[in-house]
PDB file of all heavy atoms in Angstrom:
ATOM      1  N   ALA A   1       5.677   1.652   3.580  1.00  0.00           N
ATOM      2  CA  ALA A   1       7.000   1.548   2.968  1.00  0.00           C
ATOM      3  C   ALA A   1       7.048   0.487   1.880  1.00  0.00           C
ATOM      4  O   ALA A   1       7.881   0.554   0.964  1.00  0.00           O
ATOM      5  CB  ALA A   1       8.045   1.230   4.042  1.00  0.00           C
ATOM      6  N   VAL A   2       6.143  -0.498   1.971  1.00  0.00           N
ATOM      7  CA  VAL A   2       6.107  -1.605   1.000  1.00  0.00           C
ATOM      8  C   VAL A   2       4.667  -1.746   0.499  1.00  0.00           C
ATOM      9  O   VAL A   2       3.953  -2.694   0.853  1.00  0.00           O
ATOM     10  CB  VAL A   2       6.596  -2.923   1.639  1.00  0.00           C
ATOM     11  CG1 VAL A   2       6.791  -3.997   0.575  1.00  0.00           C
ATOM     12  CG2 VAL A   2       7.891  -2.715   2.408  1.00  0.00           C
ATOM     13  N   PRO A   3       4.192  -0.804  -0.328  1.00  0.00           N
ATOM     14  CA  PRO A   3       2.796  -0.838  -0.782  1.00  0.00           C
ATOM     15  C   PRO A   3       2.441  -2.058  -1.623  1.00  0.00           C
ATOM     16  O   PRO A   3       1.260  -2.369  -1.800  1.00  0.00           O
ATOM     17  CB  PRO A   3       2.652   0.458  -1.587  1.00  0.00           C
ATOM     18  CG  PRO A   3       4.049   0.830  -1.980  1.00  0.00           C
ATOM     19  CD  PRO A   3       4.910   0.367  -0.854  1.00  0.00           C
ATOM     20  N   GLU A   4       3.463  -2.773  -2.111  1.00  0.00           N
ATOM     21  CA  GLU A   4       3.194  -3.982  -2.882  1.00  0.00           C
ATOM     22  C   GLU A   4       2.490  -5.062  -2.055  1.00  0.00           C
ATOM     23  O   GLU A   4       1.912  -6.000  -2.615  1.00  0.00           O
ATOM     24  CB  GLU A   4       4.507  -4.563  -3.445  1.00  0.00           C
ATOM     25  CG  GLU A   4       5.173  -3.706  -4.495  1.00  0.00           C
ATOM     26  CD  GLU A   4       6.135  -2.681  -3.903  1.00  0.00           C
ATOM     27  OE1 GLU A   4       6.047  -2.407  -2.670  1.00  0.00           O
ATOM     28  OE2 GLU A   4       6.970  -2.154  -4.657  1.00  0.00           O
ATOM     29  N   LEU A   5       2.523  -4.939  -0.745  1.00  0.00           N
ATOM     30  CA  LEU A   5       1.796  -5.884   0.105  1.00  0.00           C
ATOM     31  C   LEU A   5       0.287  -5.744  -0.068  1.00  0.00           C
ATOM     32  O   LEU A   5      -0.460  -6.676   0.222  1.00  0.00           O
ATOM     33  CB  LEU A   5       2.157  -5.667   1.577  1.00  0.00           C
ATOM     34  CG  LEU A   5       3.604  -5.945   1.992  1.00  0.00           C
ATOM     35  CD1 LEU A   5       3.811  -5.574   3.451  1.00  0.00           C
ATOM     36  CD2 LEU A   5       3.950  -7.408   1.755  1.00  0.00           C
ATOM     37  N   GLU A   6      -0.171  -4.563  -0.503  1.00  0.00           N
ATOM     38  CA  GLU A   6      -1.601  -4.292  -0.680  1.00  0.00           C
ATOM     39  C   GLU A   6      -2.378  -4.667   0.585  1.00  0.00           C
ATOM     40  O   GLU A   6      -3.408  -5.339   0.549  1.00  0.00           O
ATOM     41  CB  GLU A   6      -2.166  -5.020  -1.903  1.00  0.00           C
ATOM     42  CG  GLU A   6      -1.519  -4.573  -3.205  1.00  0.00           C
ATOM     43  CD  GLU A   6      -2.186  -5.174  -4.428  1.00  0.00           C
ATOM     44  OE1 GLU A   6      -3.160  -5.952  -4.280  1.00  0.00           O
ATOM     45  OE2 GLU A   6      -1.733  -4.876  -5.545  1.00  0.00           O
ATOM     46  N   LEU A   7      -1.877  -4.195   1.716  1.00  0.00           N
ATOM     47  CA  LEU A   7      -2.437  -4.552   3.012  1.00  0.00           C
ATOM     48  C   LEU A   7      -3.645  -3.680   3.347  1.00  0.00           C
ATOM     49  O   LEU A   7      -3.525  -2.462   3.473  1.00  0.00           O
ATOM     50  CB  LEU A   7      -1.363  -4.403   4.088  1.00  0.00           C
ATOM     51  CG  LEU A   7      -1.794  -4.650   5.529  1.00  0.00           C
ATOM     52  CD1 LEU A   7      -2.340  -6.064   5.699  1.00  0.00           C
ATOM     53  CD2 LEU A   7      -0.633  -4.393   6.476  1.00  0.00           C
ATOM     54  N   ASP A   8      -4.788  -4.309   3.507  1.00  0.00           N
ATOM     55  CA  ASP A   8      -6.022  -3.629   3.885  1.00  0.00           C
ATOM     56  C   ASP A   8      -6.331  -4.005   5.333  1.00  0.00           C
ATOM     57  O   ASP A   8      -6.949  -5.038   5.604  1.00  0.00           O
ATOM     58  CB  ASP A   8      -7.159  -4.035   2.951  1.00  0.00           C
ATOM     59  CG  ASP A   8      -8.476  -3.347   3.290  1.00  0.00           C
ATOM     60  OD1 ASP A   8      -8.441  -2.313   3.985  1.00  0.00           O
ATOM     61  OD2 ASP A   8      -9.539  -3.846   2.861  1.00  0.00           O
ATOM     62  N   LEU A   9      -5.903  -3.174   6.275  1.00  0.00           N
ATOM     63  CA  LEU A   9      -6.105  -3.466   7.690  1.00  0.00           C
ATOM     64  C   LEU A   9      -7.559  -3.232   8.075  1.00  0.00           C
ATOM     65  O   LEU A   9      -8.208  -2.322   7.556  1.00  0.00           O
ATOM     66  CB  LEU A   9      -5.193  -2.586   8.540  1.00  0.00           C
ATOM     67  CG  LEU A   9      -3.707  -2.955   8.505  1.00  0.00           C
ATOM     68  CD1 LEU A   9      -2.866  -1.837   9.113  1.00  0.00           C
ATOM     69  CD2 LEU A   9      -3.458  -4.266   9.240  1.00  0.00           C
ATOM     70  N   PRO A  10      -8.085  -4.027   9.005  1.00  0.00           N
ATOM     71  CA  PRO A  10      -9.491  -3.876   9.422  1.00  0.00           C
ATOM     72  C   PRO A  10      -9.687  -2.677  10.328  1.00  0.00           C
ATOM     73  O   PRO A  10      -8.711  -2.061  10.799  1.00  0.00           O
ATOM     74  CB  PRO A  10      -9.768  -5.188  10.163  1.00  0.00           C
ATOM     75  CG  PRO A  10      -8.441  -5.550  10.745  1.00  0.00           C
ATOM     76  CD  PRO A  10      -7.427  -5.150   9.703  1.00  0.00           C
ATOM     77  N   ALA A  11     -10.943  -2.365  10.617  1.00  0.00           N
ATOM     78  CA  ALA A  11     -11.270  -1.237  11.492  1.00  0.00           C
ATOM     79  C   ALA A  11     -10.717  -1.428  12.897  1.00  0.00           C
ATOM     80  O   ALA A  11     -10.487  -0.450  13.618  1.00  0.00           O
ATOM     81  CB  ALA A  11     -12.779  -1.042  11.536  1.00  0.00           C
ATOM     82  N   THR A  12     -10.517  -2.669  13.306  1.00  0.00           N
ATOM     83  CA  THR A  12     -10.032  -2.970  14.653  1.00  0.00           C
ATOM     84  C   THR A  12      -8.530  -2.746  14.817  1.00  0.00           C
ATOM     85  O   THR A  12      -8.012  -2.887  15.927  1.00  0.00           O
ATOM     86  CB  THR A  12     -10.370  -4.424  15.013  1.00  0.00           C
ATOM     87  OG1 THR A  12     -10.090  -5.270  13.890  1.00  0.00           O
ATOM     88  CG2 THR A  12     -11.840  -4.554  15.399  1.00  0.00           C
ATOM     89  N   ALA A  13      -7.833  -2.409  13.735  1.00  0.00           N
ATOM     90  CA  ALA A  13      -6.396  -2.125  13.827  1.00  0.00           C
ATOM     91  C   ALA A  13      -6.205  -0.683  14.291  1.00  0.00           C
ATOM     92  O   ALA A  13      -5.631   0.155  13.578  1.00  0.00           O
ATOM     93  CB  ALA A  13      -5.713  -2.378  12.488  1.00  0.00           C
ATOM     94  N   ILE A  14      -6.677  -0.400  15.492  1.00  0.00           N
ATOM     95  CA  ILE A  14      -6.594   0.953  16.041  1.00  0.00           C
ATOM     96  C   ILE A  14      -5.127   1.349  16.185  1.00  0.00           C
ATOM     97  O   ILE A  14      -4.321   0.598  16.735  1.00  0.00           O
ATOM     98  CB  ILE A  14      -7.315   1.027  17.398  1.00  0.00           C
ATOM     99  CG1 ILE A  14      -8.811   0.766  17.208  1.00  0.00           C
ATOM    100  CG2 ILE A  14      -7.080   2.362  18.077  1.00  0.00           C
ATOM    101  CD1 ILE A  14      -9.584   0.626  18.500  1.00  0.00           C
ATOM    102  N   GLY A  15      -4.794   2.528  15.681  1.00  0.00           N
ATOM    103  CA  GLY A  15      -3.412   2.987  15.678  1.00  0.00           C
ATOM    104  C   GLY A  15      -2.825   3.047  14.285  1.00  0.00           C
ATOM    105  O   GLY A  15      -1.805   3.702  14.063  1.00  0.00           O
ATOM    106  N   LYS A  16      -3.456   2.389  13.324  1.00  0.00           N
ATOM    107  CA  LYS A  16      -2.940   2.389  11.955  1.00  0.00           C
ATOM    108  C   LYS A  16      -2.991   3.770  11.318  1.00  0.00           C
ATOM    109  O   LYS A  16      -2.242   4.062  10.384  1.00  0.00           O
ATOM    110  CB  LYS A  16      -3.712   1.401  11.088  1.00  0.00           C
ATOM    111  CG  LYS A  16      -5.175   1.758  10.841  1.00  0.00           C
ATOM    112  CD  LYS A  16      -5.890   0.658  10.057  1.00  0.00           C
ATOM    113  CE  LYS A  16      -7.367   0.946   9.852  1.00  0.00           C
ATOM    114  NZ  LYS A  16      -7.611   2.119   9.006  1.00  0.00           N
ATOM    115  N   ASP A  17      -3.872   4.651  11.830  1.00  0.00           N
ATOM    116  CA  ASP A  17      -4.040   5.981  11.267  1.00  0.00           C
ATOM    117  C   ASP A  17      -3.136   7.023  11.926  1.00  0.00           C
ATOM    118  O   ASP A  17      -3.182   8.197  11.562  1.00  0.00           O
ATOM    119  CB  ASP A  17      -5.505   6.424  11.418  1.00  0.00           C
ATOM    120  CG  ASP A  17      -6.464   5.489  10.695  1.00  0.00           C
ATOM    121  OD1 ASP A  17      -6.189   5.122   9.550  1.00  0.00           O
ATOM    122  OD2 ASP A  17      -7.492   5.129  11.298  1.00  0.00           O
ATOM    123  N   TYR A  18      -2.330   6.604  12.885  1.00  0.00           N
ATOM    124  CA  TYR A  18      -1.452   7.538  13.584  1.00  0.00           C
ATOM    125  C   TYR A  18      -0.291   7.949  12.674  1.00  0.00           C
ATOM    126  O   TYR A  18       0.468   7.102  12.204  1.00  0.00           O
ATOM    127  CB  TYR A  18      -0.921   6.889  14.862  1.00  0.00           C
ATOM    128  CG  TYR A  18      -0.073   7.806  15.713  1.00  0.00           C
ATOM    129  CD1 TYR A  18      -0.671   8.695  16.608  1.00  0.00           C
ATOM    130  CD2 TYR A  18       1.303   7.789  15.625  1.00  0.00           C
ATOM    131  CE1 TYR A  18       0.099   9.536  17.402  1.00  0.00           C
ATOM    132  CE2 TYR A  18       2.092   8.626  16.411  1.00  0.00           C
ATOM    133  CZ  TYR A  18       1.478   9.494  17.283  1.00  0.00           C
ATOM    134  OH  TYR A  18       2.251  10.326  18.054  1.00  0.00           O
ATOM    135  N   LEU A  19      -0.168   9.257  12.440  1.00  0.00           N
ATOM    136  CA  LEU A  19       0.892   9.779  11.575  1.00  0.00           C
ATOM    137  C   LEU A  19       1.877  10.666  12.327  1.00  0.00           C
ATOM    138  O   LEU A  19       2.664  11.388  11.702  1.00  0.00           O
ATOM    139  CB  LEU A  19       0.276  10.578  10.417  1.00  0.00           C
ATOM    140  CG  LEU A  19      -0.606   9.804   9.428  1.00  0.00           C
ATOM    141  CD1 LEU A  19      -1.191  10.771   8.401  1.00  0.00           C
ATOM    142  CD2 LEU A  19       0.177   8.701   8.742  1.00  0.00           C
ATOM    143  N   GLY A  20       1.831  10.631  13.651  1.00  0.00           N
ATOM    144  CA  GLY A  20       2.731  11.473  14.419  1.00  0.00           C
ATOM    145  C   GLY A  20       2.403  12.939  14.244  1.00  0.00           C
ATOM    146  O   GLY A  20       1.244  13.349  14.307  1.00  0.00           O
ATOM    147  N   ALA A  21       3.428  13.753  13.959  1.00  0.00           N
ATOM    148  CA  ALA A  21       3.241  15.189  13.789  1.00  0.00           C
ATOM    149  C   ALA A  21       2.661  15.540  12.425  1.00  0.00           C
ATOM    150  O   ALA A  21       2.229  16.675  12.213  1.00  0.00           O
ATOM    151  CB  ALA A  21       4.568  15.914  13.989  1.00  0.00           C
ATOM    152  N   SER A  22       2.654  14.600  11.509  1.00  0.00           N
ATOM    153  CA  SER A  22       2.126  14.853  10.167  1.00  0.00           C
ATOM    154  C   SER A  22       0.601  14.819  10.181  1.00  0.00           C
ATOM    155  O   SER A  22      -0.017  14.134  10.992  1.00  0.00           O
ATOM    156  CB  SER A  22       2.652  13.814   9.180  1.00  0.00           C
ATOM    157  OG  SER A  22       4.061  13.860   9.098  1.00  0.00           O
ATOM    158  N   ILE A  23       0.014  15.530   9.265  1.00  0.00           N
ATOM    159  CA  ILE A  23      -1.439  15.541   9.107  1.00  0.00           C
ATOM    160  C   ILE A  23      -1.851  14.831   7.826  1.00  0.00           C
ATOM    161  O   ILE A  23      -2.873  14.139   7.781  1.00  0.00           O
ATOM    162  CB  ILE A  23      -1.976  16.984   9.103  1.00  0.00           C
ATOM    163  CG1 ILE A  23      -1.692  17.649  10.457  1.00  0.00           C
ATOM    164  CG2 ILE A  23      -3.476  17.018   8.815  1.00  0.00           C
ATOM    165  CD1 ILE A  23      -2.111  19.096  10.526  1.00  0.00           C
ATOM    166  N   LEU A  24      -1.040  14.963   6.780  1.00  0.00           N
ATOM    167  CA  LEU A  24      -1.336  14.358   5.487  1.00  0.00           C
ATOM    168  C   LEU A  24      -0.285  13.319   5.128  1.00  0.00           C
ATOM    169  O   LEU A  24       0.919  13.558   5.302  1.00  0.00           O
ATOM    170  CB  LEU A  24      -1.391  15.437   4.403  1.00  0.00           C
ATOM    171  CG  LEU A  24      -1.752  14.981   2.989  1.00  0.00           C
ATOM    172  CD1 LEU A  24      -3.181  14.440   2.947  1.00  0.00           C
ATOM    173  CD2 LEU A  24      -1.584  16.122   2.001  1.00  0.00           C
ATOM    174  N   GLY A  25      -0.718  12.161   4.663  1.00  0.00           N
ATOM    175  CA  GLY A  25       0.207  11.113   4.252  1.00  0.00           C
ATOM    176  C   GLY A  25      -0.496  10.081   3.408  1.00  0.00           C
ATOM    177  O   GLY A  25      -1.658  10.248   3.026  1.00  0.00           O
ATOM    178  N   ALA A  26       0.219   9.009   3.119  1.00  0.00           N
ATOM    179  CA  ALA A  26      -0.388   7.898   2.395  1.00  0.00           C
ATOM    180  C   ALA A  26      -1.337   7.156   3.316  1.00  0.00           C
ATOM    181  O   ALA A  26      -1.159   7.146   4.534  1.00  0.00           O
ATOM    182  CB  ALA A  26       0.682   6.948   1.861  1.00  0.00           C
ATOM    183  N   ALA A  27      -2.372   6.538   2.753  1.00  0.00           N
ATOM    184  CA  ALA A  27      -3.266   5.684   3.530  1.00  0.00           C
ATOM    185  C   ALA A  27      -2.457   4.515   4.095  1.00  0.00           C
ATOM    186  O   ALA A  27      -1.346   4.232   3.625  1.00  0.00           O
ATOM    187  CB  ALA A  27      -4.408   5.194   2.651  1.00  0.00           C
ATOM    188  N   PRO A  28      -2.970   3.817   5.110  1.00  0.00           N
ATOM    189  CA  PRO A  28      -2.200   2.742   5.744  1.00  0.00           C
ATOM    190  C   PRO A  28      -1.656   1.694   4.779  1.00  0.00           C
ATOM    191  O   PRO A  28      -0.609   1.091   5.052  1.00  0.00           O
ATOM    192  CB  PRO A  28      -3.210   2.130   6.720  1.00  0.00           C
ATOM    193  CG  PRO A  28      -4.059   3.284   7.116  1.00  0.00           C
ATOM    194  CD  PRO A  28      -4.221   4.089   5.848  1.00  0.00           C
ATOM    195  N   SER A  29      -2.317   1.437   3.662  1.00  0.00           N
ATOM    196  CA  SER A  29      -1.825   0.452   2.698  1.00  0.00           C
ATOM    197  C   SER A  29      -0.622   0.955   1.918  1.00  0.00           C
ATOM    198  O   SER A  29       0.055   0.185   1.227  1.00  0.00           O
ATOM    199  CB  SER A  29      -2.931   0.089   1.707  1.00  0.00           C
ATOM    200  OG  SER A  29      -3.230   1.201   0.873  1.00  0.00           O
ATOM    201  N   GLY A  30      -0.344   2.247   1.994  1.00  0.00           N
ATOM    202  CA  GLY A  30       0.738   2.838   1.212  1.00  0.00           C
ATOM    203  C   GLY A  30       0.263   3.430  -0.095  1.00  0.00           C
ATOM    204  O   GLY A  30       1.034   4.086  -0.805  1.00  0.00           O
ATOM    205  N   SER A  31      -1.003   3.221  -0.440  1.00  0.00           N
ATOM    206  CA  SER A  31      -1.579   3.796  -1.645  1.00  0.00           C
ATOM    207  C   SER A  31      -2.587   4.869  -1.251  1.00  0.00           C
ATOM    208  O   SER A  31      -3.034   4.925  -0.103  1.00  0.00           O
ATOM    209  CB  SER A  31      -2.280   2.718  -2.482  1.00  0.00           C
ATOM    210  OG  SER A  31      -3.378   2.172  -1.768  1.00  0.00           O
ATOM    211  N   GLY A  32      -2.961   5.723  -2.194  1.00  0.00           N
ATOM    212  CA  GLY A  32      -3.971   6.733  -1.902  1.00  0.00           C
ATOM    213  C   GLY A  32      -3.490   7.770  -0.907  1.00  0.00           C
ATOM    214  O   GLY A  32      -2.286   8.005  -0.743  1.00  0.00           O
ATOM    215  N   TYR A  33      -4.442   8.355  -0.192  1.00  0.00           N
ATOM    216  CA  TYR A  33      -4.134   9.475   0.694  1.00  0.00           C
ATOM    217  C   TYR A  33      -4.889   9.349   2.018  1.00  0.00           C
ATOM    218  O   TYR A  33      -5.930   8.705   2.101  1.00  0.00           O
ATOM    219  CB  TYR A  33      -4.510  10.801   0.026  1.00  0.00           C
ATOM    220  CG  TYR A  33      -3.795  11.024  -1.280  1.00  0.00           C
ATOM    221  CD1 TYR A  33      -4.399  10.659  -2.483  1.00  0.00           C
ATOM    222  CD2 TYR A  33      -2.521  11.581  -1.317  1.00  0.00           C
ATOM    223  CE1 TYR A  33      -3.734  10.841  -3.691  1.00  0.00           C
ATOM    224  CE2 TYR A  33      -1.854  11.766  -2.516  1.00  0.00           C
ATOM    225  CZ  TYR A  33      -2.466  11.402  -3.705  1.00  0.00           C
ATOM    226  OH  TYR A  33      -1.808  11.577  -4.888  1.00  0.00           O
ATOM    227  N   GLN A  34      -4.318  10.006   3.021  1.00  0.00           N
ATOM    228  CA  GLN A  34      -4.944  10.017   4.336  1.00  0.00           C
ATOM    229  C   GLN A  34      -4.750  11.370   4.996  1.00  0.00           C
ATOM    230  O   GLN A  34      -3.661  11.947   4.959  1.00  0.00           O
ATOM    231  CB  GLN A  34      -4.346   8.935   5.235  1.00  0.00           C
ATOM    232  CG  GLN A  34      -4.951   8.898   6.631  1.00  0.00           C
ATOM    233  CD  GLN A  34      -4.437   7.725   7.447  1.00  0.00           C
ATOM    234  OE1 GLN A  34      -3.239   7.469   7.475  1.00  0.00           O
ATOM    235  NE2 GLN A  34      -5.334   7.023   8.101  1.00  0.00           N
ATOM    236  N   LEU A  35      -5.814  11.872   5.595  1.00  0.00           N
ATOM    237  CA  LEU A  35      -5.771  13.059   6.434  1.00  0.00           C
ATOM    238  C   LEU A  35      -6.050  12.599   7.854  1.00  0.00           C
ATOM    239  O   LEU A  35      -7.092  11.988   8.120  1.00  0.00           O
ATOM    240  CB  LEU A  35      -6.828  14.066   5.986  1.00  0.00           C
ATOM    241  CG  LEU A  35      -6.894  15.403   6.745  1.00  0.00           C
ATOM    242  CD1 LEU A  35      -5.640  16.217   6.471  1.00  0.00           C
ATOM    243  CD2 LEU A  35      -8.142  16.177   6.342  1.00  0.00           C
ATOM    244  N   SER A  36      -5.129  12.857   8.778  1.00  0.00           N
ATOM    245  CA  SER A  36      -5.283  12.317  10.130  1.00  0.00           C
ATOM    246  C   SER A  36      -4.745  13.286  11.162  1.00  0.00           C
ATOM    247  O   SER A  36      -3.633  13.809  11.027  1.00  0.00           O
ATOM    248  CB  SER A  36      -4.559  10.977  10.263  1.00  0.00           C
ATOM    249  OG  SER A  36      -4.704  10.441  11.560  1.00  0.00           O
ATOM    250  N   LEU A  37      -5.530  13.516  12.218  1.00  0.00           N
ATOM    251  CA  LEU A  37      -5.130  14.364  13.327  1.00  0.00           C
ATOM    252  C   LEU A  37      -4.772  13.458  14.501  1.00  0.00           C
ATOM    253  O   LEU A  37      -5.643  12.949  15.213  1.00  0.00           O
ATOM    254  CB  LEU A  37      -6.263  15.321  13.705  1.00  0.00           C
ATOM    255  CG  LEU A  37      -5.980  16.327  14.823  1.00  0.00           C
ATOM    256  CD1 LEU A  37      -4.834  17.259  14.434  1.00  0.00           C
ATOM    257  CD2 LEU A  37      -7.226  17.127  15.148  1.00  0.00           C
TER     258      LEU A  37
END
């Protein structure tokens, strides 16, 4: 929601890739793209 933070979460931030019922969305930082099941 606030991509200006430019937040790059580490691999240990398990759960950051959860998009609920969605499959396609923005990457966790709010920039780019993510495909997640």
